[in-house]
Amino acid sequence: MSADTSPEIERRYARLFMSRSPQQRVVMCFQMSDTARAIVRQSLACAGLTGEQIGPALVTRLYGTDLSPVALAACRLRVGQAFRPPKDDHARPAPDVPKT
């Protein structure tokens, strides 16, 4: 925990957490991760980033200190491509719909 948490509170929190089933602990971890991601995503949107810019910025904010510069750049590129809207020149024509 953080430096402002007393050792007694840390022990109590650990006991409470460990008293849950493994499945409950996994669910809690995923929920906390989802919440953290949502908070960061909203802060980036409030800072004026576009939808296309948020994905790569989110990767940097969440994983920037854990990844090597090369891995971070690769992740940012991949996430950026996923958030990019499709190009019009590659758009498929709409299928013919039979008239009824």
N, C-alpha and C. Protein backbone atom coordinates (compact mmCIF):
# COMPACT_ATOMS: atom_id res chain seq x y z
N MET A 1 0.83 -1.18 0.00
CA MET A 1 0.00 0.00 0.00
C MET A 1 0.88 1.25 0.00
N SER A 2 0.26 2.39 0.10
CA SER A 2 1.01 3.64 0.05
C SER A 2 1.64 3.96 1.40
N ALA A 3 2.51 4.94 1.38
CA ALA A 3 3.24 5.31 2.59
C ALA A 3 2.32 5.90 3.66
N ASP A 4 1.12 6.33 3.29
CA ASP A 4 0.23 6.92 4.29
C ASP A 4 -0.70 5.90 4.95
N THR A 5 -0.48 4.63 4.65
CA THR A 5 -1.31 3.56 5.24
C THR A 5 -0.52 2.89 6.36
N SER A 6 -1.13 2.79 7.52
CA SER A 6 -0.43 2.19 8.65
C SER A 6 -0.27 0.69 8.44
N PRO A 7 0.75 0.10 9.03
CA PRO A 7 0.96 -1.35 8.91
C PRO A 7 -0.26 -2.15 9.39
N GLU A 8 -0.94 -1.68 10.44
CA GLU A 8 -2.11 -2.39 10.95
C GLU A 8 -3.23 -2.42 9.91
N ILE A 9 -3.47 -1.30 9.25
CA ILE A 9 -4.51 -1.25 8.22
C ILE A 9 -4.11 -2.12 7.03
N GLU A 10 -2.85 -2.12 6.68
CA GLU A 10 -2.38 -3.00 5.60
C GLU A 10 -2.66 -4.46 5.93
N ARG A 11 -2.38 -4.87 7.17
CA ARG A 11 -2.63 -6.26 7.58
C ARG A 11 -4.13 -6.58 7.54
N ARG A 12 -4.95 -5.65 8.03
CA ARG A 12 -6.41 -5.87 8.01
C ARG A 12 -6.92 -6.00 6.58
N TYR A 13 -6.44 -5.13 5.71
CA TYR A 13 -6.86 -5.19 4.30
C TYR A 13 -6.45 -6.53 3.68
N ALA A 14 -5.21 -6.95 3.94
CA ALA A 14 -4.73 -8.22 3.40
C ALA A 14 -5.58 -9.38 3.91
N ARG A 15 -5.93 -9.37 5.20
CA ARG A 15 -6.77 -10.43 5.75
C ARG A 15 -8.15 -10.45 5.08
N LEU A 16 -8.75 -9.27 4.92
CA LEU A 16 -10.05 -9.18 4.26
C LEU A 16 -9.98 -9.69 2.83
N PHE A 17 -8.97 -9.27 2.11
CA PHE A 17 -8.81 -9.68 0.72
C PHE A 17 -8.62 -11.19 0.62
N MET A 18 -7.78 -11.73 1.47
CA MET A 18 -7.47 -13.17 1.41
C MET A 18 -8.63 -14.02 1.94
N SER A 19 -9.58 -13.41 2.65
CA SER A 19 -10.72 -14.18 3.14
C SER A 19 -11.72 -14.48 2.02
N ARG A 20 -11.57 -13.81 0.90
CA ARG A 20 -12.45 -14.06 -0.25
C ARG A 20 -11.96 -15.28 -1.02
N SER A 21 -12.85 -15.85 -1.79
CA SER A 21 -12.45 -17.01 -2.60
C SER A 21 -11.52 -16.53 -3.72
N PRO A 22 -10.74 -17.44 -4.30
CA PRO A 22 -9.87 -17.05 -5.43
C PRO A 22 -10.67 -16.41 -6.57
N GLN A 23 -11.85 -16.94 -6.84
CA GLN A 23 -12.68 -16.37 -7.91
C GLN A 23 -13.09 -14.94 -7.57
N GLN A 24 -13.47 -14.70 -6.33
CA GLN A 24 -13.87 -13.35 -5.92
C GLN A 24 -12.69 -12.39 -6.02
N ARG A 25 -11.49 -12.86 -5.66
CA ARG A 25 -10.31 -11.99 -5.74
C ARG A 25 -9.99 -11.64 -7.19
N VAL A 26 -10.13 -12.59 -8.08
CA VAL A 26 -9.87 -12.33 -9.50
C VAL A 26 -10.88 -11.31 -10.02
N VAL A 27 -12.15 -11.50 -9.69
CA VAL A 27 -13.19 -10.55 -10.12
C VAL A 27 -12.88 -9.16 -9.58
N MET A 28 -12.50 -9.06 -8.32
CA MET A 28 -12.15 -7.76 -7.73
C MET A 28 -11.01 -7.11 -8.48
N CYS A 29 -9.99 -7.88 -8.82
CA CYS A 29 -8.84 -7.33 -9.53
C CYS A 29 -9.24 -6.80 -10.91
N PHE A 30 -10.06 -7.58 -11.63
CA PHE A 30 -10.52 -7.12 -12.94
C PHE A 30 -11.37 -5.86 -12.81
N GLN A 31 -12.22 -5.82 -11.81
CA GLN A 31 -13.06 -4.63 -11.61
C GLN A 31 -12.21 -3.40 -11.30
N MET A 32 -11.20 -3.58 -10.45
CA MET A 32 -10.32 -2.45 -10.13
C MET A 32 -9.55 -2.00 -11.37
N SER A 33 -9.11 -2.94 -12.18
CA SER A 33 -8.39 -2.60 -13.41
C SER A 33 -9.30 -1.86 -14.37
N ASP A 34 -10.54 -2.34 -14.53
CA ASP A 34 -11.51 -1.67 -15.41
C ASP A 34 -11.79 -0.25 -14.92
N THR A 35 -11.91 -0.09 -13.62
CA THR A 35 -12.17 1.23 -13.04
C THR A 35 -11.00 2.17 -13.28
N ALA A 36 -9.80 1.69 -13.05
CA ALA A 36 -8.61 2.52 -13.28
C ALA A 36 -8.52 2.94 -14.74
N ARG A 37 -8.76 2.02 -15.65
CA ARG A 37 -8.71 2.31 -17.08
C ARG A 37 -9.78 3.36 -17.44
N ALA A 38 -10.97 3.22 -16.88
CA ALA A 38 -12.04 4.18 -17.17
C ALA A 38 -11.69 5.58 -16.65
N ILE A 39 -11.10 5.64 -15.47
CA ILE A 39 -10.70 6.94 -14.91
C ILE A 39 -9.65 7.60 -15.80
N VAL A 40 -8.64 6.83 -16.21
CA VAL A 40 -7.59 7.39 -17.06
C VAL A 40 -8.16 7.80 -18.41
N ARG A 41 -9.01 6.95 -18.99
CA ARG A 41 -9.62 7.27 -20.29
C ARG A 41 -10.40 8.59 -20.20
N GLN A 42 -11.18 8.76 -19.13
CA GLN A 42 -11.96 9.99 -18.97
C GLN A 42 -11.05 11.19 -18.79
N SER A 43 -9.96 11.03 -18.04
CA SER A 43 -9.04 12.16 -17.85
C SER A 43 -8.41 12.57 -19.17
N LEU A 44 -8.12 11.60 -20.04
CA LEU A 44 -7.55 11.92 -21.34
C LEU A 44 -8.57 12.62 -22.23
N ALA A 45 -9.81 12.17 -22.17
CA ALA A 45 -10.87 12.82 -22.95
C ALA A 45 -11.08 14.25 -22.45
N CYS A 46 -11.06 14.44 -21.15
CA CYS A 46 -11.23 15.78 -20.58
C CYS A 46 -10.06 16.70 -20.94
N ALA A 47 -8.91 16.11 -21.20
CA ALA A 47 -7.73 16.89 -21.60
C ALA A 47 -7.79 17.28 -23.07
N GLY A 48 -8.84 16.81 -23.77
CA GLY A 48 -9.03 17.22 -25.16
C GLY A 48 -8.54 16.24 -26.20
N LEU A 49 -8.11 15.06 -25.81
CA LEU A 49 -7.67 14.08 -26.79
C LEU A 49 -8.87 13.53 -27.56
N THR A 50 -8.64 13.24 -28.82
CA THR A 50 -9.69 12.66 -29.64
C THR A 50 -9.77 11.16 -29.37
N GLY A 51 -10.82 10.53 -29.84
CA GLY A 51 -10.97 9.09 -29.67
C GLY A 51 -9.79 8.32 -30.23
N GLU A 52 -9.27 8.80 -31.34
CA GLU A 52 -8.12 8.14 -31.99
C GLU A 52 -6.85 8.30 -31.16
N GLN A 53 -6.72 9.38 -30.42
CA GLN A 53 -5.53 9.65 -29.61
C GLN A 53 -5.58 8.99 -28.25
N ILE A 54 -6.77 8.69 -27.77
CA ILE A 54 -6.91 8.17 -26.40
C ILE A 54 -6.27 6.81 -26.23
N GLY A 55 -6.45 5.89 -27.19
CA GLY A 55 -5.88 4.55 -27.06
C GLY A 55 -4.38 4.54 -26.82
N PRO A 56 -3.59 5.16 -27.73
CA PRO A 56 -2.15 5.20 -27.49
C PRO A 56 -1.75 5.93 -26.21
N ALA A 57 -2.46 7.01 -25.88
CA ALA A 57 -2.15 7.74 -24.64
C ALA A 57 -2.47 6.89 -23.41
N LEU A 58 -3.53 6.10 -23.50
CA LEU A 58 -3.90 5.21 -22.41
C LEU A 58 -2.80 4.17 -22.17
N VAL A 59 -2.26 3.62 -23.24
CA VAL A 59 -1.16 2.64 -23.12
C VAL A 59 0.04 3.28 -22.43
N THR A 60 0.37 4.50 -22.84
CA THR A 60 1.51 5.19 -22.23
C THR A 60 1.27 5.46 -20.76
N ARG A 61 0.08 5.94 -20.44
CA ARG A 61 -0.23 6.29 -19.05
C ARG A 61 -0.21 5.05 -18.16
N LEU A 62 -0.77 3.94 -18.63
CA LEU A 62 -0.88 2.75 -17.78
C LEU A 62 0.37 1.88 -17.78
N TYR A 63 1.08 1.81 -18.91
CA TYR A 63 2.18 0.85 -19.02
C TYR A 63 3.52 1.47 -19.37
N GLY A 64 3.58 2.79 -19.48
CA GLY A 64 4.78 3.47 -19.94
C GLY A 64 6.03 3.19 -19.13
N THR A 65 5.90 3.01 -17.83
CA THR A 65 7.09 2.76 -17.01
C THR A 65 7.43 1.28 -16.91
N ASP A 66 6.52 0.41 -17.36
CA ASP A 66 6.74 -1.03 -17.25
C ASP A 66 7.30 -1.65 -18.53
N LEU A 67 7.19 -0.94 -19.65
CA LEU A 67 7.61 -1.49 -20.93
C LEU A 67 8.88 -0.79 -21.41
N SER A 68 9.66 -1.51 -22.19
CA SER A 68 10.82 -0.88 -22.82
C SER A 68 10.30 0.12 -23.84
N PRO A 69 11.12 1.10 -24.22
CA PRO A 69 10.67 2.07 -25.22
C PRO A 69 10.22 1.42 -26.53
N VAL A 70 10.89 0.36 -26.95
CA VAL A 70 10.52 -0.32 -28.18
C VAL A 70 9.16 -1.00 -28.03
N ALA A 71 8.96 -1.72 -26.93
CA ALA A 71 7.69 -2.40 -26.69
C ALA A 71 6.56 -1.38 -26.54
N LEU A 72 6.83 -0.27 -25.86
CA LEU A 72 5.81 0.77 -25.69
C LEU A 72 5.40 1.35 -27.04
N ALA A 73 6.37 1.63 -27.90
CA ALA A 73 6.07 2.17 -29.22
C ALA A 73 5.24 1.19 -30.04
N ALA A 74 5.58 -0.10 -29.96
CA ALA A 74 4.83 -1.13 -30.69
C ALA A 74 3.40 -1.22 -30.18
N CYS A 75 3.22 -1.17 -28.88
CA CYS A 75 1.87 -1.23 -28.30
C CYS A 75 1.06 0.00 -28.67
N ARG A 76 1.68 1.17 -28.62
CA ARG A 76 0.98 2.40 -28.99
C ARG A 76 0.54 2.35 -30.45
N LEU A 77 1.41 1.86 -31.31
CA LEU A 77 1.07 1.75 -32.73
C LEU A 77 -0.09 0.80 -32.94
N ARG A 78 -0.01 -0.36 -32.32
CA ARG A 78 -1.07 -1.36 -32.49
C ARG A 78 -2.41 -0.86 -31.95
N VAL A 79 -2.39 -0.26 -30.78
CA VAL A 79 -3.63 0.27 -30.21
C VAL A 79 -4.15 1.43 -31.07
N GLY A 80 -3.24 2.27 -31.55
CA GLY A 80 -3.65 3.38 -32.40
C GLY A 80 -4.33 2.90 -33.67
N GLN A 81 -3.84 1.81 -34.24
CA GLN A 81 -4.46 1.26 -35.45
C GLN A 81 -5.86 0.73 -35.14
N ALA A 82 -6.04 0.17 -33.99
CA ALA A 82 -7.34 -0.38 -33.61
C ALA A 82 -8.37 0.73 -33.42
N PHE A 83 -7.92 1.92 -33.03
CA PHE A 83 -8.85 3.02 -32.78
C PHE A 83 -9.10 3.88 -34.02
N ARG A 84 -8.32 3.64 -35.07
CA ARG A 84 -8.47 4.43 -36.28
C ARG A 84 -9.72 4.03 -37.04
N PRO A 85 -10.48 5.01 -37.52
CA PRO A 85 -11.65 4.65 -38.34
C PRO A 85 -11.18 4.09 -39.68
N PRO A 86 -11.95 3.21 -40.30
CA PRO A 86 -11.54 2.65 -41.59
C PRO A 86 -11.46 3.74 -42.65
N LYS A 87 -10.52 3.56 -43.58
CA LYS A 87 -10.37 4.52 -44.67
C LYS A 87 -11.50 4.33 -45.67
N ASP A 88 -11.96 5.43 -46.24
CA ASP A 88 -13.05 5.37 -47.21
C ASP A 88 -12.66 4.62 -48.47
N ASP A 89 -11.38 4.71 -48.89
CA ASP A 89 -11.00 4.07 -50.14
C ASP A 89 -11.00 2.55 -50.06
N HIS A 90 -11.10 2.01 -48.87
CA HIS A 90 -11.16 0.55 -48.70
C HIS A 90 -12.55 0.08 -48.27
N ALA A 91 -13.46 1.02 -48.22
CA ALA A 91 -14.81 0.67 -47.77
C ALA A 91 -15.50 -0.20 -48.81
N ARG A 92 -16.19 -1.19 -48.34
CA ARG A 92 -16.95 -2.05 -49.24
C ARG A 92 -18.28 -1.41 -49.56
N PRO A 93 -18.74 -1.60 -50.78
CA PRO A 93 -20.08 -1.09 -51.08
C PRO A 93 -21.13 -1.86 -50.29
N ALA A 94 -22.21 -1.20 -50.01
CA ALA A 94 -23.29 -1.86 -49.28
C ALA A 94 -23.87 -2.97 -50.14
N PRO A 95 -24.20 -4.09 -49.52
CA PRO A 95 -24.77 -5.19 -50.31
C PRO A 95 -26.13 -4.81 -50.85
N ASP A 96 -26.45 -5.38 -51.99
CA ASP A 96 -27.77 -5.14 -52.57
C ASP A 96 -28.81 -5.79 -51.67
N VAL A 97 -29.81 -5.02 -51.36
CA VAL A 97 -30.89 -5.52 -50.54
C VAL A 97 -32.10 -5.71 -51.45
N PRO A 98 -32.64 -6.93 -51.51
CA PRO A 98 -33.79 -7.14 -52.38
C PRO A 98 -34.97 -6.28 -51.94
N LYS A 99 -35.65 -5.74 -52.95
CA LYS A 99 -36.83 -4.92 -52.65
C LYS A 99 -38.00 -5.82 -52.35
N THR A 100 -38.75 -5.45 -51.36
CA THR A 100 -39.92 -6.27 -51.01
C THR A 100 -41.20 -5.54 -51.32
